[in-house]
Amino acid sequence: MTYPAVRTLALFLLLSPSLPAAPANSPGGPCAAVQYRAFDFWLGDWDVFDVGGEATAVARARITRILDGCVVHELYESAAGGLRGESYSIYDRTRSLWHQTWVTNRGRLLQIEGGQRQDRMMFNGSYLADDGKSTLIRALWWPVRDGVRERAEISEDAGHTWQPSFDLIFHPHHGK
């Protein structure tokens, strides 16, 4: 690296605003504060079912903490059809809200944001549907007896009306 490049990098690092790091001896590391733990009820190895549907799981989901406990990672694998998706959820302390990015093996991307509202996590966002229409989405997660429920609704008319998109329940995985 040349001297001007090193100097530019050093100036960038010195002048960039930074957030105070958690003390090295803080229990649980940099993401141990309560706001980073709001999604912990979702952690686990789950069989996923449609609410009101058949007794057969539609997917398996493994929800873990990664990157020193700062990110909630979801690996979602459908039981039929080959759909796989992953989400990455993080509490963004600079904006005091949660952000989730969802990606799939079908080339889909969804980015939603929100936070804790009473006993639920509620995220909102928008995406372009296959037909090019802008679609709003709101998703909720909350703990239920023996699991977690996730429900989403969509609106294709700027939020005037909402239709169910999906309604799932996660139960602990008891399979092979």
N, C-alpha and C. Protein backbone atom coordinates (compact mmCIF):
# COMPACT_ATOMS: atom_id res chain seq x y z
N MET A 1 0.85 -1.16 0.00
CA MET A 1 0.00 0.00 0.00
C MET A 1 0.90 1.23 0.00
N THR A 2 0.56 2.22 -0.80
CA THR A 2 1.38 3.42 -0.89
C THR A 2 1.13 4.33 0.31
N TYR A 3 2.07 5.25 0.53
CA TYR A 3 1.95 6.18 1.66
C TYR A 3 0.65 6.99 1.60
N PRO A 4 0.26 7.59 0.44
CA PRO A 4 -1.00 8.34 0.40
C PRO A 4 -2.20 7.47 0.74
N ALA A 5 -2.20 6.20 0.30
CA ALA A 5 -3.32 5.31 0.60
C ALA A 5 -3.38 5.01 2.09
N VAL A 6 -2.22 4.78 2.71
CA VAL A 6 -2.16 4.51 4.15
C VAL A 6 -2.64 5.74 4.91
N ARG A 7 -2.19 6.91 4.49
CA ARG A 7 -2.57 8.16 5.16
C ARG A 7 -4.08 8.39 5.04
N THR A 8 -4.64 8.14 3.85
CA THR A 8 -6.08 8.31 3.65
C THR A 8 -6.86 7.34 4.54
N LEU A 9 -6.43 6.10 4.59
CA LEU A 9 -7.09 5.10 5.44
C LEU A 9 -7.00 5.51 6.91
N ALA A 10 -5.83 5.96 7.35
CA ALA A 10 -5.66 6.37 8.74
C ALA A 10 -6.57 7.56 9.07
N LEU A 11 -6.66 8.54 8.17
CA LEU A 11 -7.53 9.69 8.40
C LEU A 11 -9.00 9.26 8.45
N PHE A 12 -9.38 8.35 7.55
CA PHE A 12 -10.76 7.85 7.55
C PHE A 12 -11.10 7.19 8.88
N LEU A 13 -10.19 6.34 9.37
CA LEU A 13 -10.44 5.64 10.62
C LEU A 13 -10.47 6.59 11.80
N LEU A 14 -9.62 7.61 11.78
CA LEU A 14 -9.58 8.58 12.88
C LEU A 14 -10.80 9.49 12.89
N LEU A 15 -11.27 9.88 11.73
CA LEU A 15 -12.35 10.86 11.64
C LEU A 15 -13.73 10.24 11.56
N SER A 16 -13.82 8.95 11.30
CA SER A 16 -15.13 8.30 11.20
C SER A 16 -15.79 8.27 12.56
N PRO A 17 -17.07 8.61 12.60
CA PRO A 17 -17.77 8.50 13.88
C PRO A 17 -17.85 7.03 14.28
N SER A 18 -17.65 6.78 15.51
CA SER A 18 -17.73 5.40 15.98
C SER A 18 -18.58 5.35 17.22
N LEU A 19 -19.15 4.20 17.43
CA LEU A 19 -19.95 3.97 18.62
C LEU A 19 -19.07 3.40 19.70
N PRO A 20 -19.35 3.72 20.93
CA PRO A 20 -18.52 3.15 21.99
C PRO A 20 -18.67 1.64 22.01
N ALA A 21 -17.56 0.98 22.10
CA ALA A 21 -17.59 -0.49 22.16
C ALA A 21 -17.91 -0.91 23.59
N ALA A 22 -18.50 -2.08 23.70
CA ALA A 22 -18.74 -2.62 25.03
C ALA A 22 -17.40 -2.93 25.67
N PRO A 23 -17.30 -2.72 26.96
CA PRO A 23 -16.04 -3.06 27.62
C PRO A 23 -15.69 -4.51 27.38
N ALA A 24 -14.40 -4.77 27.20
CA ALA A 24 -13.94 -6.13 26.90
C ALA A 24 -14.37 -7.12 27.96
N ASN A 25 -14.52 -6.65 29.20
CA ASN A 25 -14.86 -7.58 30.29
C ASN A 25 -16.37 -7.63 30.54
N SER A 26 -17.20 -7.02 29.65
CA SER A 26 -18.64 -7.05 29.87
C SER A 26 -19.16 -8.46 29.62
N PRO A 27 -20.04 -8.96 30.51
CA PRO A 27 -20.56 -10.31 30.32
C PRO A 27 -21.38 -10.41 29.04
N GLY A 28 -21.10 -11.39 28.22
CA GLY A 28 -21.87 -11.63 27.01
C GLY A 28 -21.39 -10.90 25.78
N GLY A 29 -20.40 -10.05 25.89
CA GLY A 29 -19.84 -9.38 24.73
C GLY A 29 -20.58 -8.13 24.31
N PRO A 30 -20.31 -7.66 23.09
CA PRO A 30 -20.83 -6.38 22.65
C PRO A 30 -22.34 -6.34 22.42
N CYS A 31 -22.99 -7.48 22.31
CA CYS A 31 -24.42 -7.51 22.03
C CYS A 31 -25.20 -8.19 23.15
N ALA A 32 -24.78 -7.96 24.39
CA ALA A 32 -25.41 -8.62 25.52
C ALA A 32 -26.57 -7.82 26.12
N ALA A 33 -26.69 -6.55 25.76
CA ALA A 33 -27.75 -5.71 26.33
C ALA A 33 -29.13 -6.25 25.96
N VAL A 34 -30.11 -5.91 26.75
CA VAL A 34 -31.46 -6.46 26.61
C VAL A 34 -32.06 -6.22 25.22
N GLN A 35 -31.80 -5.09 24.59
CA GLN A 35 -32.39 -4.83 23.27
C GLN A 35 -31.90 -5.81 22.21
N TYR A 36 -30.71 -6.37 22.40
CA TYR A 36 -30.17 -7.37 21.46
C TYR A 36 -30.79 -8.75 21.68
N ARG A 37 -31.51 -8.93 22.75
CA ARG A 37 -32.06 -10.24 23.12
C ARG A 37 -33.56 -10.35 22.89
N ALA A 38 -34.16 -9.34 22.27
CA ALA A 38 -35.61 -9.33 22.09
C ALA A 38 -36.11 -10.48 21.23
N PHE A 39 -35.26 -11.04 20.37
CA PHE A 39 -35.66 -12.11 19.46
C PHE A 39 -35.24 -13.49 19.97
N ASP A 40 -34.70 -13.57 21.18
CA ASP A 40 -34.20 -14.85 21.69
C ASP A 40 -35.27 -15.93 21.80
N PHE A 41 -36.53 -15.54 21.94
CA PHE A 41 -37.60 -16.55 22.03
C PHE A 41 -37.71 -17.38 20.76
N TRP A 42 -37.15 -16.89 19.65
CA TRP A 42 -37.22 -17.59 18.36
C TRP A 42 -36.08 -18.58 18.17
N LEU A 43 -35.06 -18.51 18.99
CA LEU A 43 -33.90 -19.40 18.84
C LEU A 43 -34.32 -20.85 19.04
N GLY A 44 -33.81 -21.74 18.20
CA GLY A 44 -34.10 -23.16 18.36
C GLY A 44 -34.08 -23.90 17.05
N ASP A 45 -34.34 -25.19 17.14
CA ASP A 45 -34.46 -26.09 16.00
C ASP A 45 -35.93 -26.44 15.91
N TRP A 46 -36.60 -26.01 14.83
CA TRP A 46 -38.05 -26.05 14.75
C TRP A 46 -38.57 -26.85 13.56
N ASP A 47 -39.72 -27.49 13.77
CA ASP A 47 -40.56 -27.97 12.68
C ASP A 47 -41.63 -26.91 12.49
N VAL A 48 -41.89 -26.53 11.24
CA VAL A 48 -42.78 -25.42 10.93
C VAL A 48 -44.06 -25.95 10.30
N PHE A 49 -45.19 -25.46 10.79
CA PHE A 49 -46.51 -25.92 10.33
C PHE A 49 -47.35 -24.72 9.92
N ASP A 50 -48.23 -24.92 8.94
CA ASP A 50 -49.24 -23.90 8.63
C ASP A 50 -50.28 -23.92 9.74
N VAL A 51 -50.63 -22.75 10.26
CA VAL A 51 -51.68 -22.68 11.28
C VAL A 51 -52.99 -23.09 10.63
N GLY A 52 -53.68 -24.03 11.26
CA GLY A 52 -54.94 -24.53 10.73
C GLY A 52 -54.77 -25.52 9.59
N GLY A 53 -53.53 -25.87 9.29
CA GLY A 53 -53.27 -26.80 8.19
C GLY A 53 -53.13 -28.22 8.67
N GLU A 54 -52.55 -29.02 7.81
CA GLU A 54 -52.35 -30.44 8.13
C GLU A 54 -51.34 -30.60 9.26
N ALA A 55 -51.27 -31.79 9.79
CA ALA A 55 -50.36 -32.08 10.89
C ALA A 55 -48.94 -32.35 10.40
N THR A 56 -48.71 -32.19 9.10
CA THR A 56 -47.38 -32.43 8.53
C THR A 56 -46.61 -31.12 8.45
N ALA A 57 -45.36 -31.17 8.87
CA ALA A 57 -44.53 -29.97 8.82
C ALA A 57 -44.32 -29.52 7.38
N VAL A 58 -44.37 -28.20 7.16
CA VAL A 58 -44.12 -27.65 5.84
C VAL A 58 -42.65 -27.28 5.67
N ALA A 59 -41.93 -27.20 6.78
CA ALA A 59 -40.52 -26.81 6.71
C ALA A 59 -39.82 -27.13 8.03
N ARG A 60 -38.52 -26.99 7.98
CA ARG A 60 -37.69 -27.04 9.19
C ARG A 60 -36.90 -25.75 9.24
N ALA A 61 -36.81 -25.18 10.41
CA ALA A 61 -36.08 -23.92 10.57
C ALA A 61 -35.14 -24.04 11.76
N ARG A 62 -33.91 -23.60 11.53
CA ARG A 62 -32.92 -23.58 12.60
C ARG A 62 -32.54 -22.12 12.83
N ILE A 63 -32.81 -21.65 14.04
CA ILE A 63 -32.57 -20.25 14.37
C ILE A 63 -31.46 -20.21 15.42
N THR A 64 -30.35 -19.57 15.09
CA THR A 64 -29.19 -19.52 15.97
C THR A 64 -28.65 -18.10 16.05
N ARG A 65 -27.79 -17.89 17.01
CA ARG A 65 -27.05 -16.63 17.10
C ARG A 65 -25.68 -16.85 16.47
N ILE A 66 -25.24 -15.89 15.65
CA ILE A 66 -23.92 -15.96 15.02
C ILE A 66 -23.21 -14.63 15.24
N LEU A 67 -21.97 -14.56 14.79
CA LEU A 67 -21.16 -13.35 14.85
C LEU A 67 -21.12 -12.78 16.26
N ASP A 68 -20.56 -13.58 17.16
CA ASP A 68 -20.40 -13.21 18.57
C ASP A 68 -21.73 -12.90 19.25
N GLY A 69 -22.80 -13.53 18.78
CA GLY A 69 -24.11 -13.35 19.40
C GLY A 69 -24.84 -12.10 18.96
N CYS A 70 -24.33 -11.38 17.98
CA CYS A 70 -24.94 -10.12 17.55
C CYS A 70 -26.00 -10.29 16.47
N VAL A 71 -26.04 -11.44 15.79
CA VAL A 71 -26.95 -11.65 14.67
C VAL A 71 -27.78 -12.91 14.91
N VAL A 72 -29.09 -12.81 14.67
CA VAL A 72 -29.97 -13.97 14.71
C VAL A 72 -30.05 -14.49 13.28
N HIS A 73 -29.62 -15.73 13.09
CA HIS A 73 -29.57 -16.34 11.76
C HIS A 73 -30.64 -17.42 11.66
N GLU A 74 -31.41 -17.37 10.58
CA GLU A 74 -32.44 -18.37 10.30
C GLU A 74 -32.05 -19.15 9.05
N LEU A 75 -32.09 -20.46 9.15
CA LEU A 75 -31.97 -21.35 7.99
C LEU A 75 -33.32 -22.05 7.85
N TYR A 76 -34.02 -21.76 6.76
CA TYR A 76 -35.37 -22.27 6.52
C TYR A 76 -35.31 -23.20 5.31
N GLU A 77 -35.79 -24.44 5.48
CA GLU A 77 -35.80 -25.42 4.40
C GLU A 77 -37.19 -26.03 4.29
N SER A 78 -37.85 -25.79 3.15
CA SER A 78 -39.21 -26.32 2.98
C SER A 78 -39.16 -27.84 2.85
N ALA A 79 -40.25 -28.46 3.26
CA ALA A 79 -40.33 -29.92 3.21
C ALA A 79 -40.57 -30.41 1.78
N ALA A 80 -41.14 -29.57 0.95
CA ALA A 80 -41.42 -29.94 -0.45
C ALA A 80 -41.12 -28.72 -1.33
N GLY A 81 -40.69 -28.96 -2.53
CA GLY A 81 -40.50 -27.87 -3.47
C GLY A 81 -39.10 -27.28 -3.51
N GLY A 82 -38.26 -27.64 -2.55
CA GLY A 82 -36.87 -27.22 -2.59
C GLY A 82 -36.56 -25.80 -2.18
N LEU A 83 -37.55 -25.06 -1.65
CA LEU A 83 -37.27 -23.69 -1.22
C LEU A 83 -36.35 -23.68 -0.01
N ARG A 84 -35.29 -22.90 -0.11
CA ARG A 84 -34.40 -22.66 1.02
C ARG A 84 -34.26 -21.16 1.17
N GLY A 85 -34.25 -20.72 2.39
CA GLY A 85 -34.06 -19.30 2.65
C GLY A 85 -33.26 -19.09 3.91
N GLU A 86 -32.65 -17.94 3.98
CA GLU A 86 -31.91 -17.56 5.18
C GLU A 86 -32.24 -16.13 5.51
N SER A 87 -32.37 -15.86 6.81
CA SER A 87 -32.55 -14.48 7.23
C SER A 87 -31.47 -14.14 8.24
N TYR A 88 -31.15 -12.86 8.26
CA TYR A 88 -30.17 -12.30 9.18
C TYR A 88 -30.85 -11.12 9.86
N SER A 89 -31.02 -11.22 11.17
CA SER A 89 -31.69 -10.17 11.93
C SER A 89 -30.70 -9.59 12.93
N ILE A 90 -30.69 -8.27 13.01
CA ILE A 90 -29.75 -7.60 13.90
C ILE A 90 -30.39 -6.35 14.49
N TYR A 91 -30.09 -6.10 15.74
CA TYR A 91 -30.51 -4.85 16.36
C TYR A 91 -29.50 -3.78 15.94
N ASP A 92 -29.97 -2.76 15.26
CA ASP A 92 -29.13 -1.66 14.79
C ASP A 92 -29.14 -0.57 15.85
N ARG A 93 -28.11 -0.53 16.65
CA ARG A 93 -28.08 0.43 17.75
C ARG A 93 -27.97 1.86 17.27
N THR A 94 -27.50 2.10 16.05
CA THR A 94 -27.41 3.47 15.54
C THR A 94 -28.79 4.06 15.28
N ARG A 95 -29.77 3.21 14.97
CA ARG A 95 -31.14 3.67 14.70
C ARG A 95 -32.15 3.17 15.71
N SER A 96 -31.68 2.39 16.69
CA SER A 96 -32.54 1.83 17.74
C SER A 96 -33.72 1.04 17.16
N LEU A 97 -33.41 0.16 16.19
CA LEU A 97 -34.44 -0.71 15.64
C LEU A 97 -33.81 -1.99 15.12
N TRP A 98 -34.67 -2.98 14.88
CA TRP A 98 -34.25 -4.25 14.33
C TRP A 98 -34.34 -4.22 12.82
N HIS A 99 -33.42 -4.90 12.17
CA HIS A 99 -33.40 -5.03 10.71
C HIS A 99 -33.28 -6.51 10.37
N GLN A 100 -34.05 -6.96 9.37
CA GLN A 100 -33.94 -8.33 8.89
C GLN A 100 -33.79 -8.33 7.38
N THR A 101 -32.83 -9.10 6.90
CA THR A 101 -32.66 -9.35 5.47
C THR A 101 -32.94 -10.83 5.23
N TRP A 102 -33.85 -11.12 4.31
CA TRP A 102 -34.25 -12.48 3.95
C TRP A 102 -33.84 -12.72 2.51
N VAL A 103 -33.15 -13.83 2.25
CA VAL A 103 -32.73 -14.20 0.90
C VAL A 103 -33.09 -15.66 0.65
N THR A 104 -33.31 -16.00 -0.62
CA THR A 104 -33.68 -17.38 -0.94
C THR A 104 -32.88 -17.93 -2.10
N ASN A 105 -32.99 -19.25 -2.27
CA ASN A 105 -32.38 -19.91 -3.41
C ASN A 105 -33.21 -19.70 -4.69
N ARG A 106 -34.21 -18.86 -4.64
CA ARG A 106 -35.01 -18.49 -5.81
C ARG A 106 -34.71 -17.06 -6.25
N GLY A 107 -33.67 -16.46 -5.66
CA GLY A 107 -33.27 -15.12 -6.03
C GLY A 107 -34.12 -14.02 -5.43
N ARG A 108 -34.83 -14.31 -4.36
CA ARG A 108 -35.69 -13.33 -3.72
C ARG A 108 -34.95 -12.62 -2.60
N LEU A 109 -35.28 -11.36 -2.39
CA LEU A 109 -34.71 -10.54 -1.33
C LEU A 109 -35.83 -9.76 -0.66
N LEU A 110 -35.82 -9.74 0.65
CA LEU A 110 -36.77 -8.94 1.41
C LEU A 110 -36.01 -8.30 2.55
N GLN A 111 -36.21 -7.00 2.74
CA GLN A 111 -35.62 -6.29 3.86
C GLN A 111 -36.74 -5.62 4.63
N ILE A 112 -36.83 -5.93 5.92
CA ILE A 112 -37.88 -5.39 6.77
C ILE A 112 -37.26 -4.89 8.06
N GLU A 113 -37.97 -3.97 8.70
CA GLU A 113 -37.45 -3.38 9.94
C GLU A 113 -38.57 -3.16 10.93
N GLY A 114 -38.18 -3.09 12.19
CA GLY A 114 -39.16 -2.84 13.24
C GLY A 114 -38.57 -3.07 14.60
N GLY A 115 -39.37 -3.70 15.45
CA GLY A 115 -38.89 -3.95 16.80
C GLY A 115 -39.95 -4.59 17.66
N GLN A 116 -39.70 -4.54 18.95
CA GLN A 116 -40.56 -5.19 19.91
C GLN A 116 -41.76 -4.29 20.24
N ARG A 117 -42.95 -4.88 20.16
CA ARG A 117 -44.20 -4.22 20.54
C ARG A 117 -44.90 -5.17 21.49
N GLN A 118 -44.94 -4.82 22.76
CA GLN A 118 -45.42 -5.70 23.83
C GLN A 118 -44.66 -7.03 23.77
N ASP A 119 -45.37 -8.13 23.57
CA ASP A 119 -44.72 -9.45 23.57
C ASP A 119 -44.40 -9.93 22.16
N ARG A 120 -44.45 -9.05 21.16
CA ARG A 120 -44.25 -9.46 19.77
C ARG A 120 -43.13 -8.66 19.12
N MET A 121 -42.53 -9.29 18.11
CA MET A 121 -41.62 -8.57 17.23
C MET A 121 -42.44 -8.24 15.98
N MET A 122 -42.42 -6.96 15.58
CA MET A 122 -43.19 -6.53 14.43
C MET A 122 -42.27 -5.78 13.47
N PHE A 123 -42.21 -6.28 12.24
CA PHE A 123 -41.37 -5.68 11.20
C PHE A 123 -42.24 -5.29 10.02
N ASN A 124 -41.84 -4.23 9.32
CA ASN A 124 -42.54 -3.74 8.14
C ASN A 124 -41.55 -3.52 7.02
N GLY A 125 -42.05 -3.58 5.79
CA GLY A 125 -41.20 -3.30 4.65
C GLY A 125 -42.02 -3.33 3.37
N SER A 126 -41.32 -3.33 2.25
CA SER A 126 -41.99 -3.41 0.96
C SER A 126 -41.08 -4.15 -0.01
N TYR A 127 -41.69 -4.63 -1.09
CA TYR A 127 -40.94 -5.31 -2.14
C TYR A 127 -41.72 -5.19 -3.43
N LEU A 128 -41.06 -5.46 -4.53
CA LEU A 128 -41.73 -5.50 -5.82
C LEU A 128 -42.15 -6.94 -6.10
N ALA A 129 -43.42 -7.14 -6.36
CA ALA A 129 -43.93 -8.46 -6.70
C ALA A 129 -43.47 -8.83 -8.11
N ASP A 130 -43.65 -10.08 -8.48
CA ASP A 130 -43.24 -10.54 -9.82
C ASP A 130 -43.89 -9.72 -10.94
N ASP A 131 -45.10 -9.21 -10.68
CA ASP A 131 -45.79 -8.41 -11.70
C ASP A 131 -45.36 -6.94 -11.67
N GLY A 132 -44.40 -6.59 -10.81
CA GLY A 132 -43.88 -5.23 -10.75
C GLY A 132 -44.62 -4.31 -9.79
N LYS A 133 -45.68 -4.81 -9.16
CA LYS A 133 -46.44 -4.00 -8.21
C LYS A 133 -45.69 -3.87 -6.89
N SER A 134 -45.71 -2.67 -6.34
CA SER A 134 -45.14 -2.45 -5.02
C SER A 134 -46.06 -3.08 -3.99
N THR A 135 -45.49 -3.88 -3.11
CA THR A 135 -46.26 -4.60 -2.11
C THR A 135 -45.71 -4.30 -0.73
N LEU A 136 -46.58 -3.88 0.18
CA LEU A 136 -46.19 -3.68 1.57
C LEU A 136 -46.34 -5.00 2.31
N ILE A 137 -45.49 -5.20 3.29
CA ILE A 137 -45.57 -6.41 4.12
C ILE A 137 -45.37 -6.03 5.58
N ARG A 138 -46.11 -6.68 6.44
CA ARG A 138 -45.87 -6.56 7.88
C ARG A 138 -45.86 -7.98 8.44
N ALA A 139 -44.86 -8.23 9.26
CA ALA A 139 -44.66 -9.57 9.81
C ALA A 139 -44.58 -9.48 11.33
N LEU A 140 -45.13 -10.48 11.98
CA LEU A 140 -45.13 -10.55 13.45
C LEU A 140 -44.62 -11.91 13.89
N TRP A 141 -43.84 -11.92 14.97
CA TRP A 141 -43.40 -13.14 15.64
C TRP A 141 -43.74 -12.98 17.11
N TRP A 142 -44.22 -14.07 17.73
CA TRP A 142 -44.44 -14.02 19.17
C TRP A 142 -44.43 -15.43 19.74
N PRO A 143 -44.01 -15.51 21.02
CA PRO A 143 -43.99 -16.83 21.66
C PRO A 143 -45.40 -17.32 21.96
N VAL A 144 -45.60 -18.61 21.75
CA VAL A 144 -46.86 -19.27 22.10
C VAL A 144 -46.50 -20.53 22.89
N ARG A 145 -47.53 -21.14 23.47
CA ARG A 145 -47.28 -22.37 24.21
C ARG A 145 -46.60 -23.38 23.28
N ASP A 146 -45.46 -23.89 23.69
CA ASP A 146 -44.71 -24.89 22.94
C ASP A 146 -44.26 -24.40 21.56
N GLY A 147 -43.90 -23.11 21.46
CA GLY A 147 -43.37 -22.68 20.18
C GLY A 147 -43.39 -21.19 19.93
N VAL A 148 -43.38 -20.86 18.65
CA VAL A 148 -43.37 -19.48 18.17
C VAL A 148 -44.33 -19.39 16.99
N ARG A 149 -45.05 -18.30 16.92
CA ARG A 149 -45.95 -18.08 15.79
C ARG A 149 -45.39 -16.93 14.94
N GLU A 150 -45.49 -17.08 13.63
CA GLU A 150 -45.08 -16.04 12.69
C GLU A 150 -46.20 -15.84 11.68
N ARG A 151 -46.62 -14.59 11.56
CA ARG A 151 -47.72 -14.28 10.64
C ARG A 151 -47.33 -13.06 9.81
N ALA A 152 -47.70 -13.05 8.54
CA ALA A 152 -47.43 -11.91 7.68
C ALA A 152 -48.68 -11.56 6.89
N GLU A 153 -48.81 -10.27 6.63
CA GLU A 153 -49.89 -9.75 5.81
C GLU A 153 -49.28 -8.85 4.75
N ILE A 154 -49.97 -8.76 3.61
CA ILE A 154 -49.48 -7.91 2.52
C ILE A 154 -50.58 -6.95 2.07
N SER A 155 -50.14 -5.84 1.50
CA SER A 155 -51.06 -4.86 0.93
C SER A 155 -50.52 -4.44 -0.42
N GLU A 156 -51.37 -4.48 -1.42
CA GLU A 156 -51.00 -4.03 -2.76
C GLU A 156 -51.62 -2.67 -3.09
N ASP A 157 -52.26 -2.03 -2.09
CA ASP A 157 -52.90 -0.73 -2.31
C ASP A 157 -52.44 0.30 -1.28
N ALA A 158 -51.13 0.31 -1.04
CA ALA A 158 -50.49 1.30 -0.14
C ALA A 158 -51.03 1.25 1.29
N GLY A 159 -51.46 0.07 1.74
CA GLY A 159 -51.88 -0.10 3.12
C GLY A 159 -53.35 0.15 3.39
N HIS A 160 -54.16 0.36 2.36
CA HIS A 160 -55.59 0.57 2.57
C HIS A 160 -56.28 -0.73 2.99
N THR A 161 -55.88 -1.83 2.36
CA THR A 161 -56.41 -3.15 2.73
C THR A 161 -55.24 -4.12 2.87
N TRP A 162 -55.44 -5.12 3.69
CA TRP A 162 -54.39 -6.12 3.96
C TRP A 162 -54.97 -7.50 3.78
N GLN A 163 -54.15 -8.41 3.20
CA GLN A 163 -54.53 -9.80 3.03
C GLN A 163 -53.49 -10.69 3.72
N PRO A 164 -53.93 -11.82 4.28
CA PRO A 164 -52.95 -12.74 4.87
C PRO A 164 -51.98 -13.24 3.80
N SER A 165 -50.72 -13.33 4.17
CA SER A 165 -49.70 -13.90 3.29
C SER A 165 -49.36 -15.30 3.76
N PHE A 166 -49.05 -15.44 5.04
CA PHE A 166 -48.84 -16.75 5.64
C PHE A 166 -49.04 -16.66 7.14
N ASP A 167 -49.28 -17.82 7.75
CA ASP A 167 -49.47 -17.93 9.19
C ASP A 167 -48.86 -19.26 9.61
N LEU A 168 -47.74 -19.19 10.31
CA LEU A 168 -46.96 -20.38 10.65
C LEU A 168 -46.81 -20.54 12.15
N ILE A 169 -46.63 -21.78 12.57
CA ILE A 169 -46.28 -22.05 13.96
C ILE A 169 -45.04 -22.94 13.98
N PHE A 170 -44.10 -22.58 14.82
CA PHE A 170 -42.84 -23.30 14.98
C PHE A 170 -42.94 -24.12 16.26
N HIS A 171 -42.77 -25.43 16.12
CA HIS A 171 -42.72 -26.33 17.27
C HIS A 171 -41.34 -26.96 17.34
N PRO A 172 -40.85 -27.26 18.55
CA PRO A 172 -39.51 -27.87 18.64
C PRO A 172 -39.40 -29.11 17.76
N HIS A 173 -38.27 -29.21 17.07
CA HIS A 173 -38.02 -30.34 16.18
C HIS A 173 -37.81 -31.61 17.01
N HIS A 174 -38.56 -32.65 16.64
CA HIS A 174 -38.45 -33.94 17.34
C HIS A 174 -38.15 -35.05 16.36
N GLY A 175 -37.62 -34.71 15.21
CA GLY A 175 -37.39 -35.72 14.17
C GLY A 175 -36.04 -36.37 14.27
N LYS A 176 -35.73 -37.09 13.20
CA LYS A 176 -34.48 -37.84 13.11
C LYS A 176 -33.34 -36.93 12.76
